Amino acid sequence: MTQIPGKRIRVPKWIHGRLCVVRVEAEAVILDADTSEPCLEPATLQWLDELQELADDGDIDALAKFGEVFVRRTA
């Protein structure tokens, strides 16, 4: 898969599930032609979608391998 040309940076992304929230660092690209904001490549978007499925399923152990997980608790 061809990568988009530009400067690669890490950006925080939050994935929200019913039982938890996970903070991950995703790779983004600052385009040479448009430096106004970082863009995500298709592979990164697919990875974030996979993490969203894990969050929707409440798979906290799997999510913990990729980022910091915050579990929702009742007061």
N, C-alpha and C. Protein backbone atom coordinates (compact mmCIF):
# COMPACT_ATOMS: atom_id res chain seq x y z
N MET A 1 0.84 -1.18 0.00
CA MET A 1 0.00 0.00 0.00
C MET A 1 0.88 1.25 0.00
N THR A 2 0.59 2.18 -0.87
CA THR A 2 1.37 3.40 -0.99
C THR A 2 1.04 4.36 0.15
N GLN A 3 2.09 4.93 0.73
CA GLN A 3 1.89 5.90 1.80
C GLN A 3 1.74 7.30 1.22
N ILE A 4 0.96 8.10 1.90
CA ILE A 4 0.76 9.49 1.51
C ILE A 4 2.04 10.26 1.85
N PRO A 5 2.56 11.07 0.91
CA PRO A 5 3.78 11.83 1.21
C PRO A 5 3.51 12.96 2.20
N GLY A 6 4.44 13.15 3.10
CA GLY A 6 4.33 14.22 4.08
C GLY A 6 5.03 13.84 5.37
N LYS A 7 4.97 14.73 6.33
CA LYS A 7 5.60 14.51 7.63
C LYS A 7 4.68 13.64 8.49
N ARG A 8 5.24 12.60 9.09
CA ARG A 8 4.48 11.67 9.94
C ARG A 8 4.57 12.12 11.40
N ILE A 9 3.42 12.15 12.04
CA ILE A 9 3.34 12.52 13.45
C ILE A 9 2.41 11.54 14.16
N ARG A 10 2.43 11.55 15.48
CA ARG A 10 1.52 10.74 16.29
C ARG A 10 0.47 11.69 16.88
N VAL A 11 -0.79 11.29 16.79
CA VAL A 11 -1.88 12.10 17.34
C VAL A 11 -2.73 11.22 18.26
N PRO A 12 -3.22 11.80 19.35
CA PRO A 12 -4.09 11.02 20.23
C PRO A 12 -5.48 10.87 19.63
N LYS A 13 -6.04 9.69 19.78
CA LYS A 13 -7.41 9.42 19.33
C LYS A 13 -8.13 8.72 20.47
N TRP A 14 -9.37 9.09 20.69
CA TRP A 14 -10.20 8.50 21.74
C TRP A 14 -11.23 7.60 21.09
N ILE A 15 -11.33 6.36 21.58
CA ILE A 15 -12.31 5.40 21.10
C ILE A 15 -13.30 5.17 22.24
N HIS A 16 -14.57 5.45 21.99
CA HIS A 16 -15.60 5.35 23.01
C HIS A 16 -16.45 4.10 22.81
N GLY A 17 -16.53 3.30 23.86
CA GLY A 17 -17.40 2.13 23.87
C GLY A 17 -18.44 2.29 24.97
N ARG A 18 -19.34 1.33 25.08
CA ARG A 18 -20.39 1.41 26.09
C ARG A 18 -19.82 1.30 27.50
N LEU A 19 -18.80 0.45 27.68
CA LEU A 19 -18.23 0.20 29.00
C LEU A 19 -16.92 0.91 29.27
N CYS A 20 -16.28 1.40 28.22
CA CYS A 20 -14.95 1.96 28.42
C CYS A 20 -14.62 2.99 27.33
N VAL A 21 -13.51 3.68 27.59
CA VAL A 21 -12.93 4.62 26.63
C VAL A 21 -11.45 4.29 26.58
N VAL A 22 -10.86 4.30 25.38
CA VAL A 22 -9.43 4.02 25.25
C VAL A 22 -8.77 5.16 24.48
N ARG A 23 -7.60 5.56 24.97
CA ARG A 23 -6.81 6.60 24.30
C ARG A 23 -5.65 5.90 23.61
N VAL A 24 -5.54 6.09 22.30
CA VAL A 24 -4.45 5.49 21.53
C VAL A 24 -3.69 6.59 20.79
N GLU A 25 -2.48 6.27 20.40
CA GLU A 25 -1.69 7.16 19.56
C GLU A 25 -1.75 6.63 18.13
N ALA A 26 -2.29 7.42 17.23
CA ALA A 26 -2.42 7.01 15.83
C ALA A 26 -1.44 7.81 14.98
N GLU A 27 -0.99 7.18 13.89
CA GLU A 27 -0.10 7.87 12.97
C GLU A 27 -0.92 8.74 12.03
N ALA A 28 -0.50 9.97 11.90
CA ALA A 28 -1.14 10.91 10.99
C ALA A 28 -0.08 11.52 10.09
N VAL A 29 -0.53 12.14 9.01
CA VAL A 29 0.38 12.74 8.03
C VAL A 29 0.01 14.20 7.85
N ILE A 30 1.02 15.05 7.93
CA ILE A 30 0.83 16.46 7.57
C ILE A 30 1.26 16.56 6.11
N LEU A 31 0.29 16.81 5.25
CA LEU A 31 0.54 16.84 3.82
C LEU A 31 1.46 17.98 3.44
N ASP A 32 2.32 17.73 2.46
CA ASP A 32 3.20 18.78 1.97
C ASP A 32 2.39 19.91 1.33
N ALA A 33 1.30 19.55 0.65
CA ALA A 33 0.49 20.53 -0.07
C ALA A 33 -0.48 21.29 0.84
N ASP A 34 -0.84 20.70 2.00
CA ASP A 34 -1.81 21.34 2.89
C ASP A 34 -1.44 21.02 4.32
N THR A 35 -0.81 21.98 4.98
CA THR A 35 -0.33 21.76 6.34
C THR A 35 -1.34 22.20 7.39
N SER A 36 -2.59 22.47 7.00
CA SER A 36 -3.58 23.01 7.93
C SER A 36 -3.96 22.02 9.03
N GLU A 37 -3.99 20.72 8.71
CA GLU A 37 -4.30 19.73 9.74
C GLU A 37 -3.81 18.35 9.31
N PRO A 38 -3.50 17.50 10.28
CA PRO A 38 -3.03 16.15 9.96
C PRO A 38 -4.15 15.30 9.35
N CYS A 39 -3.76 14.39 8.48
CA CYS A 39 -4.70 13.47 7.83
C CYS A 39 -4.37 12.04 8.27
N LEU A 40 -5.38 11.19 8.24
CA LEU A 40 -5.19 9.78 8.56
C LEU A 40 -5.23 8.97 7.28
N GLU A 41 -4.33 8.00 7.17
CA GLU A 41 -4.29 7.12 6.00
C GLU A 41 -5.35 6.04 6.15
N PRO A 42 -5.75 5.41 5.04
CA PRO A 42 -6.76 4.34 5.10
C PRO A 42 -6.40 3.21 6.07
N ALA A 43 -5.15 2.81 6.13
CA ALA A 43 -4.74 1.73 7.04
C ALA A 43 -4.96 2.14 8.50
N THR A 44 -4.69 3.40 8.81
CA THR A 44 -4.91 3.89 10.18
C THR A 44 -6.39 3.92 10.50
N LEU A 45 -7.19 4.35 9.54
CA LEU A 45 -8.64 4.38 9.74
C LEU A 45 -9.19 2.97 9.97
N GLN A 46 -8.68 2.01 9.24
CA GLN A 46 -9.11 0.62 9.41
C GLN A 46 -8.74 0.13 10.81
N TRP A 47 -7.55 0.45 11.27
CA TRP A 47 -7.10 0.06 12.61
C TRP A 47 -8.01 0.68 13.67
N LEU A 48 -8.35 1.95 13.50
CA LEU A 48 -9.25 2.62 14.45
C LEU A 48 -10.64 1.97 14.44
N ASP A 49 -11.11 1.56 13.27
CA ASP A 49 -12.39 0.84 13.18
C ASP A 49 -12.34 -0.48 13.94
N GLU A 50 -11.22 -1.18 13.83
CA GLU A 50 -11.05 -2.45 14.55
C GLU A 50 -11.05 -2.22 16.06
N LEU A 51 -10.41 -1.15 16.49
CA LEU A 51 -10.42 -0.81 17.92
C LEU A 51 -11.83 -0.44 18.36
N GLN A 52 -12.58 0.24 17.50
CA GLN A 52 -13.95 0.59 17.83
C GLN A 52 -14.80 -0.66 18.05
N GLU A 53 -14.59 -1.68 17.23
CA GLU A 53 -15.31 -2.95 17.41
C GLU A 53 -14.98 -3.58 18.75
N LEU A 54 -13.70 -3.55 19.14
CA LEU A 54 -13.30 -4.09 20.44
C LEU A 54 -13.96 -3.30 21.57
N ALA A 55 -14.01 -1.98 21.43
CA ALA A 55 -14.64 -1.14 22.45
C ALA A 55 -16.14 -1.42 22.52
N ASP A 56 -16.78 -1.58 21.37
CA ASP A 56 -18.22 -1.88 21.35
C ASP A 56 -18.52 -3.22 22.01
N ASP A 57 -17.58 -4.17 21.87
CA ASP A 57 -17.73 -5.49 22.48
C ASP A 57 -17.32 -5.50 23.96
N GLY A 58 -16.72 -4.41 24.43
CA GLY A 58 -16.28 -4.33 25.82
C GLY A 58 -15.04 -5.16 26.11
N ASP A 59 -14.21 -5.41 25.10
CA ASP A 59 -13.00 -6.23 25.26
C ASP A 59 -11.86 -5.38 25.82
N ILE A 60 -11.91 -5.15 27.10
CA ILE A 60 -10.96 -4.25 27.77
C ILE A 60 -9.54 -4.79 27.71
N ASP A 61 -9.38 -6.10 27.88
CA ASP A 61 -8.04 -6.70 27.86
C ASP A 61 -7.36 -6.50 26.50
N ALA A 62 -8.10 -6.68 25.42
CA ALA A 62 -7.54 -6.49 24.08
C ALA A 62 -7.20 -5.02 23.85
N LEU A 63 -8.07 -4.12 24.30
CA LEU A 63 -7.83 -2.69 24.11
C LEU A 63 -6.60 -2.22 24.89
N ALA A 64 -6.36 -2.82 26.05
CA ALA A 64 -5.23 -2.43 26.89
C ALA A 64 -3.90 -2.67 26.20
N LYS A 65 -3.87 -3.53 25.19
CA LYS A 65 -2.64 -3.78 24.44
C LYS A 65 -2.28 -2.62 23.52
N PHE A 66 -3.27 -1.75 23.24
CA PHE A 66 -3.06 -0.68 22.27
C PHE A 66 -3.03 0.72 22.88
N GLY A 67 -3.56 0.86 24.08
CA GLY A 67 -3.60 2.19 24.66
C GLY A 67 -4.07 2.16 26.09
N GLU A 68 -4.31 3.35 26.62
CA GLU A 68 -4.74 3.52 28.00
C GLU A 68 -6.26 3.41 28.06
N VAL A 69 -6.76 2.46 28.85
CA VAL A 69 -8.19 2.19 28.93
C VAL A 69 -8.77 2.79 30.20
N PHE A 70 -9.90 3.44 30.07
CA PHE A 70 -10.64 4.00 31.19
C PHE A 70 -11.99 3.30 31.24
N VAL A 71 -12.28 2.64 32.36
CA VAL A 71 -13.51 1.87 32.50
C VAL A 71 -14.55 2.74 33.16
N ARG A 72 -15.75 2.72 32.61
CA ARG A 72 -16.86 3.48 33.19
C ARG A 72 -17.40 2.74 34.40
N ARG A 73 -17.60 3.46 35.46
CA ARG A 73 -18.13 2.88 36.70
C ARG A 73 -19.30 3.73 37.18
N THR A 74 -20.22 3.09 37.87
CA THR A 74 -21.33 3.84 38.44
C THR A 74 -20.92 4.41 39.77
N ALA A 75 -21.51 5.51 40.13
CA ALA A 75 -21.15 6.18 41.40
C ALA A 75 -21.75 5.48 42.59
